Amino acid sequence: MKFNFLKRIFGSKGYVGIDIGTTSIKAVEIEKLNTLPQLINYGFLESYGHLERLNNAIQTSTLKMLDHETAELIKILIKNSEIKSTDAIASLPAFSAFITLLEIPMMSAEDTSKAMQFQAKQYIPLPISAITIDWIKVGQRQDPQGGILQQVLLVSVPNEQIAKYKNIFSLAGLNLIALEVEGLSLARALTKGIDQNVLILDMGSRSTSISVARGGLLKFSGQTDFAGGSLTQTIAAGLNIRPQRAEDLKKLRGLKGMGGEYELSTLMLPILDVIISEARRVKNNYEKGYNDKVESVIVSGGGANLLGVVDYIKDQLGLPVRKAAPFSQLSYPSSIEPLVSELGTQFSVAIGLGMKPFNQ
């Protein structure tokens, strides 16, 4: 049976978006009560063991999730967050999917679907029988000869990965109604209503995903394994301190340390420069490949809360840069207003997942 990646969902009133990261799990419960989707509950569960042991993570590009252990973590998070909805939409990390933007002549949806099956055989390095594919039209442009090309995002995920997620959520007592690659969720949460191309840097603990999105749709993506954890490990090694202490210093001082603390920024900047260099490469590849400009940058993930990082990225890329603000897409209790700025950067994917049933 075809598993839902991109198409519209119908069902119960409340949904829970669950973002399973490399070292944390975030969940939001969203209902559509008025004009805007409304945040009902949210929760965050994070492991700090990865700071001391690199293989102590929920999942990485080389470490597979353990079904029972991950299901137990989700159950704990759902219980402690008092989330009642059982219909869930979950994120797939960028490293577990294959995403490519294709340009093909305008044709009917039926013919486009047939073309995508053919294109998948050309672009995806796995047998068609071993994967599930989906696609969505994300734009169009005129070629040099005056013809109109439609831009179609092709997404494929190994069937083995889909089966793993289904099993995990079944064990957790949830009804998994859709899986979505995190870049699609980020695009929905951070660029809905924005009529220009935006470069999204989602700086997590163990990887940074880099996306080009517009109007709530993902158009192009890349990834690097340099991320927030890389900064922490660099500080720990440079100052000869424990990783947990390095993490605390990073969060407290960021790039704005003075005097003896200036050493923190000198340690971190080379790692940040690698992330920015990869972001610049993704931006340039998109602009050259599709003759389309990127106009601004949004920084998301826990790394977006690093003091001084927004200004530094702005200086390096020469574009307007702002922190992710996905809560602007929601109605939420006034009691969490003081937390929204910091929470937003970390809950962007989860909010995008929870919005999926209401924003297509």
Protein backbone atom coordinates (compact mmCIF):
# COMPACT_ATOMS: atom_id res chain seq x y z
CA MET A 1 0.00 0.00 0.00
CA LYS A 2 1.28 3.48 -0.86
CA PHE A 3 2.40 5.32 2.27
CA ASN A 4 1.50 9.00 2.57
CA PHE A 5 4.42 11.44 2.31
CA LEU A 6 3.10 14.56 0.64
CA LYS A 7 -0.62 14.34 0.03
CA ARG A 8 -3.47 15.78 2.07
CA ILE A 9 -4.59 14.05 5.25
CA PHE A 10 -8.16 13.83 6.52
CA GLY A 11 -9.15 12.48 9.88
CA SER A 12 -9.66 13.43 13.51
CA LYS A 13 -9.51 16.99 14.84
CA GLY A 14 -6.26 16.71 16.78
CA TYR A 15 -2.86 15.56 15.57
CA VAL A 16 0.53 15.11 17.17
CA GLY A 17 3.68 15.98 15.24
CA ILE A 18 6.72 14.03 16.47
CA ASP A 19 10.23 15.02 15.47
CA ILE A 20 12.69 12.21 16.22
CA GLY A 21 16.15 13.75 16.06
CA THR A 22 19.58 12.34 16.67
CA THR A 23 19.64 13.15 20.40
CA SER A 24 16.13 14.43 21.19
CA ILE A 25 12.43 13.92 20.51
CA LYS A 26 10.00 16.83 20.27
CA ALA A 27 6.22 16.59 20.11
CA VAL A 28 3.42 19.11 19.55
CA GLU A 29 -0.32 18.50 19.71
CA ILE A 30 -2.27 20.74 17.34
CA GLU A 31 -5.99 21.16 16.70
CA LYS A 32 -7.83 23.36 14.21
CA LEU A 33 -10.26 25.34 16.33
CA ASN A 34 -10.33 28.76 14.69
CA THR A 35 -8.59 30.39 11.72
CA LEU A 36 -5.12 29.31 12.86
CA PRO A 37 -4.17 25.84 14.03
CA GLN A 38 -4.01 25.89 17.82
CA LEU A 39 -1.21 24.50 19.97
CA ILE A 40 -2.70 22.29 22.68
CA ASN A 41 0.40 20.69 24.22
CA TYR A 42 4.09 20.32 23.55
CA GLY A 43 6.96 18.31 24.98
CA PHE A 44 10.71 17.85 24.66
CA LEU A 45 12.88 14.91 25.65
CA GLU A 46 16.65 15.17 25.25
CA SER A 47 19.57 12.89 25.99
CA TYR A 48 22.91 14.39 26.97
CA GLY A 49 24.79 11.10 26.88
CA HIS A 50 26.00 11.89 23.36
CA LEU A 51 28.20 14.64 24.76
CA GLU A 52 30.38 12.02 26.45
CA ARG A 53 29.96 9.16 23.97
CA LEU A 54 29.37 9.93 20.30
CA ASN A 55 27.49 6.67 19.67
CA ASN A 56 25.02 7.45 22.46
CA ALA A 57 22.29 8.81 20.21
CA ILE A 58 18.74 7.91 19.19
CA GLN A 59 19.78 7.70 15.53
CA THR A 60 22.45 9.01 13.17
CA SER A 61 23.36 8.47 9.53
CA THR A 62 25.33 5.40 10.65
CA LEU A 63 23.33 4.38 13.75
CA LYS A 64 19.86 2.86 13.36
CA MET A 65 17.09 3.49 15.86
CA LEU A 66 16.27 0.70 18.28
CA ASP A 67 12.54 0.08 17.97
CA HIS A 68 11.59 -0.75 21.57
CA GLU A 69 13.87 1.85 23.16
CA THR A 70 12.64 4.63 20.86
CA ALA A 71 9.00 3.62 21.42
CA GLU A 72 9.51 3.82 25.19
CA LEU A 73 10.99 7.32 24.87
CA ILE A 74 7.98 8.42 22.82
CA LYS A 75 5.57 6.94 25.38
CA ILE A 76 7.33 8.80 28.19
CA LEU A 77 7.22 12.06 26.24
CA ILE A 78 3.52 11.68 25.35
CA LYS A 79 2.57 10.86 28.93
CA ASN A 80 4.57 13.68 30.54
CA SER A 81 3.29 16.20 27.98
CA GLU A 82 -0.32 15.10 28.60
CA ILE A 83 -0.88 14.73 24.86
CA LYS A 84 -4.23 13.07 24.15
CA SER A 85 -4.32 12.82 20.34
CA THR A 86 -3.22 9.48 18.94
CA ASP A 87 -2.98 10.28 15.21
CA ALA A 88 0.69 11.02 14.62
CA ILE A 89 2.82 12.48 11.83
CA ALA A 90 6.54 11.76 12.19
CA SER A 91 9.68 13.26 10.73
CA LEU A 92 12.24 11.42 8.65
CA PRO A 93 15.81 12.76 8.87
CA ALA A 94 17.32 14.02 5.64
CA PHE A 95 19.93 11.25 5.66
CA SER A 96 17.24 8.54 5.46
CA ALA A 97 15.61 9.81 2.26
CA PHE A 98 16.56 10.73 -1.28
CA ILE A 99 15.28 14.11 -2.49
CA THR A 100 15.81 15.71 -5.88
CA LEU A 101 14.22 18.61 -7.76
CA LEU A 102 13.39 17.72 -11.35
CA GLU A 103 12.30 19.95 -14.19
CA ILE A 104 10.05 18.33 -16.78
CA PRO A 105 7.63 19.65 -19.44
CA MET A 106 4.12 20.58 -18.32
CA MET A 107 1.77 17.58 -18.47
CA SER A 108 -1.23 16.11 -16.69
CA ALA A 109 -0.94 14.81 -13.13
CA GLU A 110 -1.38 11.25 -14.42
CA ASP A 111 1.43 11.64 -16.96
CA THR A 112 3.61 13.37 -14.37
CA SER A 113 3.14 10.41 -12.03
CA LYS A 114 4.26 8.02 -14.78
CA ALA A 115 7.24 10.26 -15.53
CA MET A 116 8.26 10.22 -11.87
CA GLN A 117 8.33 6.42 -11.84
CA PHE A 118 10.70 6.54 -14.80
CA GLN A 119 12.81 9.33 -13.32
CA ALA A 120 13.13 7.44 -10.05
CA LYS A 121 14.88 4.62 -11.86
CA GLN A 122 17.39 7.12 -13.28
CA TYR A 123 18.16 9.04 -10.09
CA ILE A 124 17.67 6.73 -7.12
CA PRO A 125 20.47 4.23 -6.39
CA LEU A 126 18.11 1.54 -5.08
CA PRO A 127 15.74 -0.92 -6.78
CA ILE A 128 12.24 0.53 -7.22
CA SER A 129 10.87 -2.51 -5.38
CA ALA A 130 12.86 -1.50 -2.27
CA ILE A 131 11.58 2.08 -2.01
CA THR A 132 8.40 4.13 -1.77
CA ILE A 133 8.32 7.28 -3.87
CA ASP A 134 6.17 10.38 -3.81
CA TRP A 135 6.27 13.70 -5.59
CA ILE A 136 4.83 17.19 -5.47
CA LYS A 137 4.88 20.11 -7.89
CA VAL A 138 6.72 23.01 -6.23
CA GLY A 139 6.91 25.57 -9.03
CA GLN A 140 7.48 26.26 -12.70
CA ARG A 141 9.70 28.41 -14.90
CA GLN A 142 10.29 29.31 -18.50
CA ASP A 143 13.24 27.72 -20.27
CA PRO A 144 15.52 29.69 -22.68
CA GLN A 145 13.43 28.49 -25.65
CA GLY A 146 10.22 29.87 -24.14
CA GLY A 147 8.78 26.54 -23.02
CA ILE A 148 7.23 26.11 -19.56
CA LEU A 149 8.90 23.59 -17.25
CA GLN A 150 7.25 22.31 -14.09
CA GLN A 151 9.46 21.83 -11.06
CA VAL A 152 8.69 18.57 -9.28
CA LEU A 153 10.20 17.45 -5.99
CA LEU A 154 10.81 13.68 -6.02
CA VAL A 155 11.07 12.01 -2.61
CA SER A 156 11.94 8.38 -1.97
CA VAL A 157 12.36 6.43 1.26
CA PRO A 158 13.50 2.81 1.70
CA ASN A 159 10.60 0.51 2.58
CA GLU A 160 12.71 -0.88 5.42
CA GLN A 161 12.77 2.58 7.02
CA ILE A 162 9.00 2.98 6.68
CA ALA A 163 8.43 -0.42 8.30
CA LYS A 164 10.70 0.56 11.21
CA TYR A 165 8.74 3.74 11.90
CA LYS A 166 5.41 1.92 11.68
CA ASN A 167 6.63 -0.61 14.23
CA ILE A 168 8.00 2.04 16.60
CA PHE A 169 4.76 4.03 16.61
CA SER A 170 2.66 0.90 16.99
CA LEU A 171 4.73 -0.05 20.03
CA ALA A 172 4.24 3.48 21.36
CA GLY A 173 0.46 3.14 21.06
CA LEU A 174 0.10 5.78 18.33
CA ASN A 175 -1.52 5.69 14.90
CA LEU A 176 1.16 6.74 12.39
CA ILE A 177 -0.81 8.34 9.56
CA ALA A 178 2.08 9.95 7.68
CA LEU A 179 5.85 10.24 7.45
CA GLU A 180 7.50 13.40 6.20
CA VAL A 181 11.10 14.32 5.45
CA GLU A 182 12.08 17.06 7.91
CA GLY A 183 12.88 19.55 5.14
CA LEU A 184 9.23 19.49 4.03
CA SER A 185 8.08 20.21 7.59
CA LEU A 186 10.59 23.05 7.97
CA ALA A 187 9.46 24.61 4.71
CA ARG A 188 5.81 24.55 5.84
CA ALA A 189 6.51 25.96 9.32
CA LEU A 190 9.00 28.65 8.28
CA THR A 191 8.16 29.86 4.75
CA LYS A 192 4.38 29.55 4.42
CA GLY A 193 3.18 32.84 2.97
CA ILE A 194 6.68 33.99 1.97
CA ASP A 195 6.88 34.66 -1.78
CA GLN A 196 10.66 34.48 -2.12
CA ASN A 197 13.32 31.79 -1.88
CA VAL A 198 14.63 31.26 1.63
CA LEU A 199 17.71 29.28 2.68
CA ILE A 200 16.96 27.34 5.88
CA LEU A 201 19.87 26.24 8.09
CA ASP A 202 18.55 23.75 10.62
CA MET A 203 21.46 23.27 13.04
CA GLY A 204 20.80 20.22 15.18
CA SER A 205 23.06 18.34 17.54
CA ARG A 206 24.65 15.89 15.11
CA SER A 207 23.81 17.27 11.66
CA THR A 208 22.79 20.46 9.90
CA SER A 209 20.18 20.25 7.15
CA ILE A 210 20.22 23.00 4.53
CA SER A 211 17.13 23.69 2.45
CA VAL A 212 15.83 26.12 -0.13
CA ALA A 213 12.10 26.73 0.33
CA ARG A 214 9.40 29.12 -0.83
CA GLY A 215 5.73 29.56 0.01
CA GLY A 216 5.76 26.58 2.36
CA LEU A 217 7.28 24.22 -0.21
CA LEU A 218 10.70 22.58 -0.18
CA LYS A 219 12.62 23.06 -3.42
CA PHE A 220 16.21 21.94 -2.80
CA SER A 221 18.20 20.39 0.04
CA GLY A 222 21.61 19.39 1.36
CA GLN A 223 23.22 18.29 4.60
CA THR A 224 26.45 18.32 6.60
CA ASP A 225 27.44 16.31 9.66
CA PHE A 226 28.97 19.43 11.24
CA ALA A 227 26.50 20.82 13.79
CA GLY A 228 26.00 21.92 17.39
CA GLY A 229 27.72 18.87 18.81
CA SER A 230 30.79 19.63 16.69
CA LEU A 231 31.04 23.05 18.38
CA THR A 232 30.77 21.46 21.83
CA GLN A 233 33.43 18.84 21.12
CA THR A 234 35.77 21.50 19.73
CA ILE A 235 35.41 23.62 22.88
CA ALA A 236 35.93 20.58 25.11
CA ALA A 237 39.12 19.58 23.28
CA GLY A 238 40.45 23.15 23.01
CA LEU A 239 39.94 24.01 26.68
CA ASN A 240 40.56 20.48 27.99
CA ILE A 241 37.23 20.34 29.81
CA ARG A 242 34.38 17.83 29.93
CA PRO A 243 31.85 18.00 27.09
CA GLN A 244 28.96 18.87 29.43
CA ARG A 245 30.92 21.87 30.75
CA ALA A 246 31.74 22.85 27.17
CA GLU A 247 28.03 22.65 26.27
CA ASP A 248 27.15 24.92 29.19
CA LEU A 249 29.80 27.46 28.20
CA LYS A 250 28.65 27.42 24.59
CA LYS A 251 25.05 28.16 25.59
CA LEU A 252 26.07 30.84 28.09
CA ARG A 253 28.66 32.77 26.07
CA GLY A 254 28.17 31.87 22.42
CA LEU A 255 30.24 33.94 20.00
CA LYS A 256 30.05 37.05 22.19
CA GLY A 257 32.54 36.16 24.93
CA MET A 258 34.97 38.90 25.98
CA GLY A 259 38.46 38.77 27.46
CA GLY A 260 39.41 35.21 28.37
CA GLU A 261 36.11 34.00 26.92
CA TYR A 262 37.06 35.27 23.48
CA GLU A 263 38.79 31.93 23.01
CA LEU A 264 35.37 30.27 22.71
CA SER A 265 34.63 32.05 19.45
CA THR A 266 38.10 31.37 18.05
CA LEU A 267 37.47 27.67 18.70
CA MET A 268 33.96 27.64 17.24
CA LEU A 269 34.33 29.83 14.17
CA PRO A 270 36.24 27.29 12.04
CA ILE A 271 33.39 24.78 12.55
CA LEU A 272 30.75 27.41 11.82
CA ASP A 273 32.66 28.37 8.70
CA VAL A 274 32.42 24.78 7.44
CA ILE A 275 28.62 24.82 7.97
CA ILE A 276 28.32 28.20 6.25
CA SER A 277 30.52 27.03 3.39
CA GLU A 278 28.17 24.08 2.81
CA ALA A 279 25.19 26.42 3.00
CA ARG A 280 26.80 28.65 0.40
CA ARG A 281 27.42 25.62 -1.83
CA VAL A 282 23.75 24.54 -1.61
CA LYS A 283 22.63 28.11 -2.33
CA ASN A 284 24.95 28.46 -5.33
CA ASN A 285 23.99 25.06 -6.74
CA TYR A 286 20.31 25.94 -6.56
CA GLU A 287 20.77 29.39 -8.07
CA LYS A 288 22.94 28.16 -10.94
CA GLY A 289 20.96 25.00 -11.61
CA TYR A 290 17.52 26.61 -11.64
CA ASN A 291 18.29 30.26 -12.51
CA ASP A 292 16.55 31.46 -9.35
CA LYS A 293 17.86 33.68 -6.54
CA VAL A 294 17.85 33.01 -2.79
CA GLU A 295 16.82 36.20 -1.00
CA SER A 296 17.17 35.52 2.74
CA VAL A 297 18.19 33.01 5.43
CA ILE A 298 16.35 31.47 8.37
CA VAL A 299 18.36 29.72 11.10
CA SER A 300 16.58 26.93 12.95
CA GLY A 301 17.44 24.09 15.34
CA GLY A 302 19.13 24.36 18.72
CA GLY A 303 22.17 25.97 17.09
CA ALA A 304 20.08 29.00 16.17
CA ASN A 305 20.09 30.03 19.85
CA LEU A 306 23.90 30.39 19.91
CA LEU A 307 24.58 34.00 20.88
CA GLY A 308 25.89 35.98 17.92
CA VAL A 309 25.30 33.28 15.30
CA VAL A 310 22.64 35.20 13.35
CA ASP A 311 24.89 38.25 12.92
CA TYR A 312 27.87 36.08 11.98
CA ILE A 313 25.94 34.17 9.28
CA LYS A 314 24.59 37.47 7.97
CA ASP A 315 28.13 38.84 7.61
CA GLN A 316 29.39 35.69 5.89
CA LEU A 317 26.54 35.18 3.43
CA GLY A 318 25.66 38.82 2.81
CA LEU A 319 21.91 38.15 3.10
CA PRO A 320 19.22 39.07 5.65
CA VAL A 321 19.21 36.42 8.38
CA ARG A 322 16.62 35.76 11.10
CA LYS A 323 15.83 33.09 13.66
CA ALA A 324 13.04 30.63 12.99
CA ALA A 325 9.63 31.72 14.29
CA PRO A 326 7.23 28.84 13.57
CA PHE A 327 4.87 29.82 16.40
CA SER A 328 3.73 32.71 14.21
CA GLN A 329 1.77 30.09 12.26
CA LEU A 330 -0.16 29.01 15.36
CA SER A 331 -2.49 30.20 18.05
CA TYR A 332 -0.93 29.36 21.43
CA PRO A 333 -1.45 30.06 25.15
CA SER A 334 -0.19 33.48 26.27
CA SER A 335 1.59 31.75 29.17
CA ILE A 336 4.32 30.45 26.85
CA GLU A 337 4.98 33.81 25.19
CA PRO A 338 8.29 34.34 27.08
CA LEU A 339 9.52 30.96 25.77
CA VAL A 340 8.42 31.27 22.15
CA SER A 341 11.64 32.77 20.76
CA GLU A 342 13.87 29.99 22.09
CA LEU A 343 11.36 27.15 21.69
CA GLY A 344 10.54 28.08 18.10
CA THR A 345 13.99 27.29 16.77
CA GLN A 346 13.89 23.81 18.29
CA PHE A 347 10.27 22.96 17.52
CA SER A 348 10.21 24.05 13.85
CA VAL A 349 10.07 20.50 12.46
CA ALA A 350 7.51 19.28 15.00
CA ILE A 351 5.26 22.29 14.36
CA GLY A 352 5.54 21.77 10.61
CA LEU A 353 4.46 18.16 11.08
CA GLY A 354 1.51 19.12 13.27
CA MET A 355 0.40 21.73 10.73
CA LYS A 356 0.41 19.26 7.84
CA PRO A 357 -3.28 18.25 8.04
CA PHE A 358 -4.41 21.89 8.11
CA ASN A 359 -2.11 23.60 5.61
CA GLN A 360 -2.32 21.80 2.27
